[in-house]
C-alpha cells in the first residue's frame, strides 16, 4: 500500500498560496503603514462623525470584538446507554425528542454523531481486513 512519502507526490513544485492576512500586511507595508498604524487609523475613522462611521465601527467590532459562537448546553438523554448498540442509542435519542426532553436539532446532532462513529468503525474494520489479506498474499 502506498505511503505518504516524497516518492508518492504529484509532479512539479508545490507553491504555497499567501493567506489574505499576509497579502494585506504586505500591501500596508508598501504604503508605509504597519498593522498597529492601520488599526489606529481604523479607530480614528470609526470615531469621526460622518456617513462612513458606522461601516468603520462595524468593521472594528467584527474584527476585534466578534460575537461569540453559540454553544449548546450539556444534554442528558434519559435511557441513553453508552454501552448499548447504536440502534438502541439512536432509539433513546428519538424517544427523548418525541417526549420533548431535547430539541429536535440537538437530537439530530446525536443521531449524526452515532452515524459518523459507525462509518469510522466500518472503515477501521475494512482496513484491518485488507491488511490481513495483504499479509496473506505477501506470504504466498
N, C-alpha and C. Protein backbone atom coordinates (compact mmCIF):
# COMPACT_ATOMS: atom_id res chain seq x y z
N UNK A 1 0.85 -1.18 0.00
CA UNK A 1 0.00 0.00 0.00
C UNK A 1 0.89 1.23 0.00
N UNK A 2 0.53 2.24 -0.79
CA UNK A 2 1.33 3.46 -0.91
C UNK A 2 1.31 4.24 0.40
N UNK A 3 2.45 4.74 0.77
CA UNK A 3 2.57 5.57 1.97
C UNK A 3 2.79 7.01 1.53
N UNK A 4 2.53 7.94 2.42
CA UNK A 4 2.77 9.34 2.12
C UNK A 4 4.27 9.61 2.30
N UNK A 5 4.97 9.64 1.21
CA UNK A 5 6.40 9.92 1.25
C UNK A 5 6.75 10.78 0.04
N UNK A 6 8.00 11.18 -0.05
CA UNK A 6 8.39 12.05 -1.16
C UNK A 6 8.29 11.32 -2.50
N UNK A 7 8.29 9.98 -2.50
CA UNK A 7 8.18 9.20 -3.74
C UNK A 7 6.76 9.20 -4.31
N UNK A 8 5.78 9.50 -3.48
CA UNK A 8 4.38 9.45 -3.92
C UNK A 8 3.75 10.85 -3.89
N UNK A 9 4.40 11.81 -4.50
CA UNK A 9 3.91 13.18 -4.56
C UNK A 9 3.61 13.56 -6.00
N UNK A 10 2.69 14.49 -6.22
CA UNK A 10 2.40 14.91 -7.58
C UNK A 10 3.61 15.60 -8.20
N UNK A 11 3.76 15.50 -9.53
CA UNK A 11 4.92 16.11 -10.17
C UNK A 11 4.85 17.63 -10.11
N UNK A 12 6.02 18.27 -10.21
CA UNK A 12 6.11 19.73 -10.21
C UNK A 12 6.34 20.27 -8.81
N UNK A 13 6.63 21.55 -8.78
CA UNK A 13 6.88 22.20 -7.49
C UNK A 13 5.57 22.57 -6.83
N UNK A 14 5.56 22.47 -5.51
CA UNK A 14 4.39 22.92 -4.76
C UNK A 14 4.58 24.38 -4.43
N UNK A 15 3.60 25.16 -4.77
CA UNK A 15 3.66 26.59 -4.48
C UNK A 15 2.61 26.91 -3.42
N UNK A 16 3.07 27.57 -2.39
CA UNK A 16 2.11 27.94 -1.35
C UNK A 16 1.40 29.22 -1.78
N UNK A 17 0.15 29.30 -1.41
CA UNK A 17 -0.66 30.47 -1.72
C UNK A 17 -0.66 31.36 -0.49
N UNK A 18 -0.28 32.64 -0.65
CA UNK A 18 -0.26 33.50 0.53
C UNK A 18 -1.67 33.71 1.08
N UNK A 19 -1.77 33.74 2.39
CA UNK A 19 -3.04 33.98 3.03
C UNK A 19 -3.42 35.44 2.89
N UNK A 20 -4.70 35.72 3.03
CA UNK A 20 -5.19 37.09 2.87
C UNK A 20 -4.51 38.03 3.86
N UNK A 21 -4.32 37.58 5.08
CA UNK A 21 -3.67 38.42 6.10
C UNK A 21 -2.28 38.82 5.64
N UNK A 22 -1.52 37.88 5.08
CA UNK A 22 -0.18 38.17 4.60
C UNK A 22 -0.23 39.18 3.47
N UNK A 23 -1.17 39.00 2.54
CA UNK A 23 -1.32 39.94 1.44
C UNK A 23 -1.66 41.34 1.94
N UNK A 24 -2.56 41.40 2.92
CA UNK A 24 -2.96 42.68 3.47
C UNK A 24 -1.78 43.37 4.16
N UNK A 25 -1.03 42.63 4.96
CA UNK A 25 0.12 43.22 5.65
C UNK A 25 1.18 43.69 4.66
N UNK A 26 1.38 42.94 3.58
CA UNK A 26 2.33 43.36 2.55
C UNK A 26 1.87 44.66 1.89
N UNK A 27 0.57 44.76 1.60
CA UNK A 27 0.05 45.98 0.97
C UNK A 27 0.18 47.17 1.91
N UNK A 28 -0.05 46.94 3.20
CA UNK A 28 0.13 48.03 4.17
C UNK A 28 1.59 48.46 4.24
N UNK A 29 2.48 47.48 4.23
CA UNK A 29 3.91 47.79 4.28
C UNK A 29 4.34 48.63 3.08
N UNK A 30 3.79 48.31 1.90
CA UNK A 30 4.10 49.08 0.70
C UNK A 30 3.67 50.54 0.83
N UNK A 31 2.66 50.80 1.63
CA UNK A 31 2.19 52.17 1.84
C UNK A 31 2.84 52.80 3.07
N UNK A 32 3.79 52.08 3.68
CA UNK A 32 4.49 52.63 4.84
C UNK A 32 3.70 52.58 6.12
N UNK A 33 2.74 51.64 6.21
CA UNK A 33 1.90 51.52 7.39
C UNK A 33 2.05 50.11 7.95
N UNK A 34 2.19 50.00 9.26
CA UNK A 34 2.22 48.67 9.86
C UNK A 34 0.83 48.34 10.41
N UNK A 35 0.70 47.18 11.00
CA UNK A 35 -0.61 46.73 11.48
C UNK A 35 -1.16 47.66 12.56
N UNK A 36 -0.30 48.07 13.46
CA UNK A 36 -0.71 48.98 14.54
C UNK A 36 -1.22 50.30 13.95
N UNK A 37 -0.51 50.83 12.96
CA UNK A 37 -0.92 52.07 12.31
C UNK A 37 -2.26 51.92 11.62
N UNK A 38 -2.48 50.78 11.00
CA UNK A 38 -3.76 50.53 10.33
C UNK A 38 -4.91 50.52 11.34
N UNK A 39 -4.72 49.83 12.45
CA UNK A 39 -5.76 49.77 13.47
C UNK A 39 -6.00 51.17 14.04
N UNK A 40 -4.94 51.92 14.28
CA UNK A 40 -5.06 53.29 14.78
C UNK A 40 -5.92 54.13 13.82
N UNK A 41 -5.66 54.00 12.52
CA UNK A 41 -6.41 54.76 11.51
C UNK A 41 -7.88 54.31 11.47
N UNK A 42 -8.10 53.01 11.61
CA UNK A 42 -9.46 52.47 11.62
C UNK A 42 -10.24 53.01 12.82
N UNK A 43 -9.60 53.07 13.99
CA UNK A 43 -10.25 53.59 15.18
C UNK A 43 -10.56 55.07 15.00
N UNK A 44 -9.62 55.81 14.44
CA UNK A 44 -9.84 57.24 14.20
C UNK A 44 -11.04 57.45 13.29
N UNK A 45 -11.11 56.70 12.20
CA UNK A 45 -12.23 56.82 11.26
C UNK A 45 -13.56 56.44 11.91
N UNK A 46 -13.52 55.43 12.78
CA UNK A 46 -14.74 54.96 13.43
C UNK A 46 -15.26 56.00 14.42
N UNK A 47 -14.38 56.82 14.96
CA UNK A 47 -14.78 57.80 15.95
C UNK A 47 -15.20 59.14 15.33
N UNK A 48 -14.86 59.35 14.06
CA UNK A 48 -15.24 60.60 13.39
C UNK A 48 -16.69 60.52 12.95
N UNK A 49 -17.46 61.59 13.22
CA UNK A 49 -18.84 61.57 12.74
C UNK A 49 -18.86 61.66 11.21
N UNK A 50 -19.82 61.03 10.62
CA UNK A 50 -19.94 61.07 9.17
C UNK A 50 -20.66 59.85 8.65
N UNK A 51 -20.81 59.81 7.35
CA UNK A 51 -21.56 58.73 6.72
C UNK A 51 -20.89 57.37 6.86
N UNK A 52 -19.56 57.33 6.86
CA UNK A 52 -18.83 56.06 6.90
C UNK A 52 -18.56 55.57 8.32
N UNK A 53 -18.92 56.35 9.33
CA UNK A 53 -18.61 55.98 10.71
C UNK A 53 -19.14 54.60 11.06
N UNK A 54 -20.38 54.32 10.69
CA UNK A 54 -20.98 53.03 11.01
C UNK A 54 -20.23 51.87 10.39
N UNK A 55 -19.77 52.04 9.15
CA UNK A 55 -19.04 50.97 8.46
C UNK A 55 -17.71 50.69 9.16
N UNK A 56 -17.00 51.75 9.53
CA UNK A 56 -15.71 51.57 10.22
C UNK A 56 -15.92 50.94 11.59
N UNK A 57 -16.93 51.42 12.31
CA UNK A 57 -17.20 50.88 13.64
C UNK A 57 -17.62 49.42 13.54
N UNK A 58 -18.42 49.10 12.55
CA UNK A 58 -18.84 47.72 12.34
C UNK A 58 -17.63 46.82 12.07
N UNK A 59 -16.73 47.30 11.23
CA UNK A 59 -15.52 46.52 10.90
C UNK A 59 -14.67 46.30 12.15
N UNK A 60 -14.53 47.35 12.96
CA UNK A 60 -13.76 47.21 14.20
C UNK A 60 -14.38 46.15 15.11
N UNK A 61 -15.68 46.23 15.29
CA UNK A 61 -16.34 45.29 16.18
C UNK A 61 -16.25 43.86 15.65
N UNK A 62 -16.42 43.67 14.33
CA UNK A 62 -16.33 42.32 13.75
C UNK A 62 -14.94 41.72 13.97
N UNK A 63 -13.91 42.55 13.81
CA UNK A 63 -12.54 42.04 13.88
C UNK A 63 -12.02 41.88 15.30
N UNK A 64 -12.37 42.83 16.17
CA UNK A 64 -11.72 42.85 17.47
C UNK A 64 -12.65 42.55 18.64
N UNK A 65 -13.92 42.44 18.40
CA UNK A 65 -14.87 42.04 19.45
C UNK A 65 -15.97 41.22 18.80
N UNK A 66 -15.61 40.09 18.18
CA UNK A 66 -16.62 39.31 17.46
C UNK A 66 -17.66 38.72 18.41
N UNK A 67 -18.83 38.50 17.87
CA UNK A 67 -19.90 37.86 18.63
C UNK A 67 -19.48 36.42 18.88
N UNK A 68 -19.50 35.99 20.14
CA UNK A 68 -19.08 34.61 20.41
C UNK A 68 -20.03 33.61 19.75
N UNK A 69 -19.45 32.51 19.31
CA UNK A 69 -20.28 31.47 18.71
C UNK A 69 -21.16 30.84 19.77
N UNK A 70 -22.36 30.53 19.39
CA UNK A 70 -23.26 29.90 20.35
C UNK A 70 -22.85 28.44 20.53
N UNK A 71 -22.97 27.97 21.73
CA UNK A 71 -22.67 26.58 22.03
C UNK A 71 -23.86 25.96 22.75
N UNK A 72 -24.01 24.70 22.58
CA UNK A 72 -25.12 24.00 23.21
C UNK A 72 -24.77 23.64 24.65
N UNK A 73 -25.77 23.66 25.49
CA UNK A 73 -25.59 23.22 26.87
C UNK A 73 -25.45 21.70 26.87
N UNK A 74 -24.88 21.19 27.95
CA UNK A 74 -24.78 19.73 28.09
C UNK A 74 -26.19 19.16 28.16
N UNK A 75 -26.39 18.05 27.47
CA UNK A 75 -27.71 17.44 27.39
C UNK A 75 -27.63 16.02 27.94
N UNK A 76 -28.62 15.67 28.73
CA UNK A 76 -28.73 14.31 29.24
C UNK A 76 -29.95 13.68 28.58
N UNK A 77 -29.73 12.55 27.93
CA UNK A 77 -30.82 11.83 27.26
C UNK A 77 -31.20 10.66 28.15
N UNK A 78 -32.41 10.69 28.67
CA UNK A 78 -32.85 9.59 29.53
C UNK A 78 -32.92 8.31 28.72
N UNK A 79 -32.44 7.24 29.30
CA UNK A 79 -32.46 5.95 28.63
C UNK A 79 -31.29 5.72 27.68
N UNK A 80 -30.37 6.70 27.58
CA UNK A 80 -29.22 6.54 26.69
C UNK A 80 -28.18 5.69 27.39
N UNK A 81 -27.86 4.55 26.80
CA UNK A 81 -26.89 3.62 27.37
C UNK A 81 -25.62 3.66 26.52
N UNK A 82 -24.55 4.15 27.12
CA UNK A 82 -23.29 4.26 26.37
C UNK A 82 -22.76 2.90 25.91
N UNK A 83 -23.17 1.84 26.58
CA UNK A 83 -22.71 0.51 26.19
C UNK A 83 -23.70 -0.17 25.25
N UNK A 84 -24.82 0.50 24.97
CA UNK A 84 -25.84 -0.08 24.08
C UNK A 84 -25.40 -0.07 22.63
N UNK A 85 -26.17 -0.74 21.82
CA UNK A 85 -25.88 -0.76 20.39
C UNK A 85 -26.22 0.62 19.81
N UNK A 86 -25.66 0.93 18.66
CA UNK A 86 -26.01 2.21 18.03
C UNK A 86 -27.52 2.36 17.80
N UNK A 87 -28.19 1.27 17.45
CA UNK A 87 -29.64 1.33 17.25
C UNK A 87 -30.35 1.68 18.56
N UNK A 88 -29.93 1.08 19.67
CA UNK A 88 -30.55 1.38 20.97
C UNK A 88 -30.27 2.84 21.37
N UNK A 89 -29.07 3.31 21.09
CA UNK A 89 -28.73 4.70 21.42
C UNK A 89 -29.58 5.67 20.59
N UNK A 90 -29.69 5.40 19.29
CA UNK A 90 -30.49 6.25 18.43
C UNK A 90 -31.95 6.24 18.85
N UNK A 91 -32.44 5.08 19.23
CA UNK A 91 -33.83 4.96 19.69
C UNK A 91 -34.05 5.79 20.95
N UNK A 92 -33.09 5.78 21.87
CA UNK A 92 -33.21 6.58 23.09
C UNK A 92 -33.26 8.07 22.75
N UNK A 93 -32.47 8.47 21.77
CA UNK A 93 -32.47 9.88 21.35
C UNK A 93 -33.83 10.23 20.73
N UNK A 94 -34.33 9.38 19.83
CA UNK A 94 -35.64 9.63 19.22
C UNK A 94 -36.74 9.69 20.28
N UNK A 95 -36.70 8.81 21.26
CA UNK A 95 -37.70 8.83 22.33
C UNK A 95 -37.62 10.13 23.12
N UNK A 96 -36.39 10.61 23.38
CA UNK A 96 -36.23 11.87 24.12
C UNK A 96 -36.76 13.05 23.31
N UNK A 97 -36.55 13.00 21.98
CA UNK A 97 -37.10 14.06 21.13
C UNK A 97 -38.63 14.01 21.15
N UNK A 98 -39.18 12.83 21.03
CA UNK A 98 -40.64 12.68 20.99
C UNK A 98 -41.29 13.11 22.30
N UNK A 99 -40.57 12.89 23.40
CA UNK A 99 -41.11 13.27 24.71
C UNK A 99 -40.87 14.75 25.02
N UNK A 100 -40.16 15.44 24.13
CA UNK A 100 -39.89 16.86 24.36
C UNK A 100 -38.77 17.12 25.34
N UNK A 101 -37.98 16.09 25.66
CA UNK A 101 -36.86 16.25 26.60
C UNK A 101 -35.70 17.01 25.96
N UNK A 102 -35.52 16.82 24.67
CA UNK A 102 -34.45 17.52 23.95
C UNK A 102 -35.02 18.08 22.65
N UNK A 103 -34.49 19.21 22.19
CA UNK A 103 -34.97 19.77 20.92
C UNK A 103 -34.57 18.88 19.74
N UNK A 104 -35.35 18.91 18.67
CA UNK A 104 -35.04 18.07 17.51
C UNK A 104 -33.66 18.33 16.91
N UNK A 105 -33.19 19.60 16.89
CA UNK A 105 -31.87 19.87 16.30
C UNK A 105 -30.77 19.23 17.13
N UNK A 106 -30.93 19.21 18.44
CA UNK A 106 -29.93 18.57 19.31
C UNK A 106 -29.98 17.06 19.10
N UNK A 107 -31.19 16.52 19.00
CA UNK A 107 -31.33 15.08 18.73
C UNK A 107 -30.68 14.70 17.42
N UNK A 108 -30.84 15.55 16.40
CA UNK A 108 -30.23 15.28 15.09
C UNK A 108 -28.71 15.25 15.20
N UNK A 109 -28.15 16.12 16.03
CA UNK A 109 -26.70 16.12 16.24
C UNK A 109 -26.26 14.78 16.83
N UNK A 110 -27.03 14.28 17.81
CA UNK A 110 -26.73 12.98 18.40
C UNK A 110 -26.76 11.88 17.34
N UNK A 111 -27.83 11.86 16.55
CA UNK A 111 -28.01 10.82 15.54
C UNK A 111 -26.87 10.88 14.51
N UNK A 112 -26.54 12.09 14.06
CA UNK A 112 -25.45 12.26 13.10
C UNK A 112 -24.12 11.76 13.68
N UNK A 113 -23.89 12.05 14.95
CA UNK A 113 -22.65 11.60 15.60
C UNK A 113 -22.58 10.08 15.66
N UNK A 114 -23.69 9.47 16.00
CA UNK A 114 -23.73 8.00 16.05
C UNK A 114 -23.44 7.44 14.67
N UNK A 115 -24.05 8.02 13.63
CA UNK A 115 -23.83 7.55 12.26
C UNK A 115 -22.37 7.69 11.84
N UNK A 116 -21.76 8.81 12.18
CA UNK A 116 -20.35 9.03 11.82
C UNK A 116 -19.44 8.05 12.55
N UNK A 117 -19.75 7.77 13.80
CA UNK A 117 -18.95 6.79 14.53
C UNK A 117 -19.05 5.41 13.89
N UNK A 118 -20.25 5.07 13.43
CA UNK A 118 -20.43 3.79 12.74
C UNK A 118 -19.61 3.73 11.45
N UNK A 119 -19.58 4.83 10.71
CA UNK A 119 -18.81 4.88 9.47
C UNK A 119 -17.31 4.73 9.76
N UNK A 120 -16.84 5.38 10.81
CA UNK A 120 -15.42 5.26 11.19
C UNK A 120 -15.11 3.83 11.59
N UNK A 121 -16.00 3.22 12.35
CA UNK A 121 -15.81 1.83 12.77
C UNK A 121 -15.76 0.91 11.55
N UNK A 122 -16.66 1.12 10.60
CA UNK A 122 -16.70 0.31 9.39
C UNK A 122 -15.40 0.42 8.59
N UNK A 123 -14.92 1.64 8.41
CA UNK A 123 -13.67 1.84 7.67
C UNK A 123 -12.49 1.20 8.39
N UNK A 124 -12.48 1.33 9.71
CA UNK A 124 -11.40 0.73 10.50
C UNK A 124 -11.39 -0.79 10.35
N UNK A 125 -12.58 -1.39 10.39
CA UNK A 125 -12.67 -2.84 10.23
C UNK A 125 -12.25 -3.27 8.82
N UNK A 126 -12.67 -2.51 7.81
CA UNK A 126 -12.29 -2.84 6.43
C UNK A 126 -10.77 -2.76 6.25
N UNK A 127 -10.16 -1.75 6.85
CA UNK A 127 -8.71 -1.61 6.74
C UNK A 127 -8.00 -2.79 7.41
N UNK A 128 -8.48 -3.19 8.57
CA UNK A 128 -7.88 -4.33 9.27
C UNK A 128 -8.01 -5.60 8.42
N UNK A 129 -9.17 -5.81 7.81
CA UNK A 129 -9.36 -6.99 6.97
C UNK A 129 -8.46 -6.93 5.74
N UNK A 130 -8.34 -5.76 5.14
CA UNK A 130 -7.47 -5.59 3.98
C UNK A 130 -6.01 -5.85 4.35
N UNK A 131 -5.59 -5.36 5.50
CA UNK A 131 -4.21 -5.60 5.95
C UNK A 131 -3.94 -7.10 6.12
N UNK A 132 -4.92 -7.83 6.67
CA UNK A 132 -4.77 -9.27 6.83
C UNK A 132 -4.66 -9.97 5.48
N UNK A 133 -5.50 -9.56 4.52
CA UNK A 133 -5.45 -10.15 3.18
C UNK A 133 -4.12 -9.85 2.50
N UNK A 134 -3.62 -8.63 2.63
CA UNK A 134 -2.33 -8.29 2.04
C UNK A 134 -1.21 -9.11 2.66
N UNK A 135 -1.30 -9.33 3.97
CA UNK A 135 -0.28 -10.13 4.64
C UNK A 135 -0.29 -11.56 4.12
N UNK A 136 -1.48 -12.11 3.88
CA UNK A 136 -1.60 -13.48 3.35
C UNK A 136 -1.03 -13.54 1.93
N UNK A 137 -1.39 -12.56 1.10
CA UNK A 137 -0.92 -12.53 -0.29
C UNK A 137 0.60 -12.37 -0.33
N UNK A 138 1.15 -11.53 0.51
CA UNK A 138 2.60 -11.29 0.51
C UNK A 138 3.39 -12.50 1.00
N UNK A 139 2.79 -13.34 1.86
CA UNK A 139 3.47 -14.55 2.35
C UNK A 139 3.53 -15.60 1.26
N UNK A 140 2.46 -15.68 0.46
CA UNK A 140 2.32 -16.75 -0.52
C UNK A 140 3.04 -16.44 -1.75
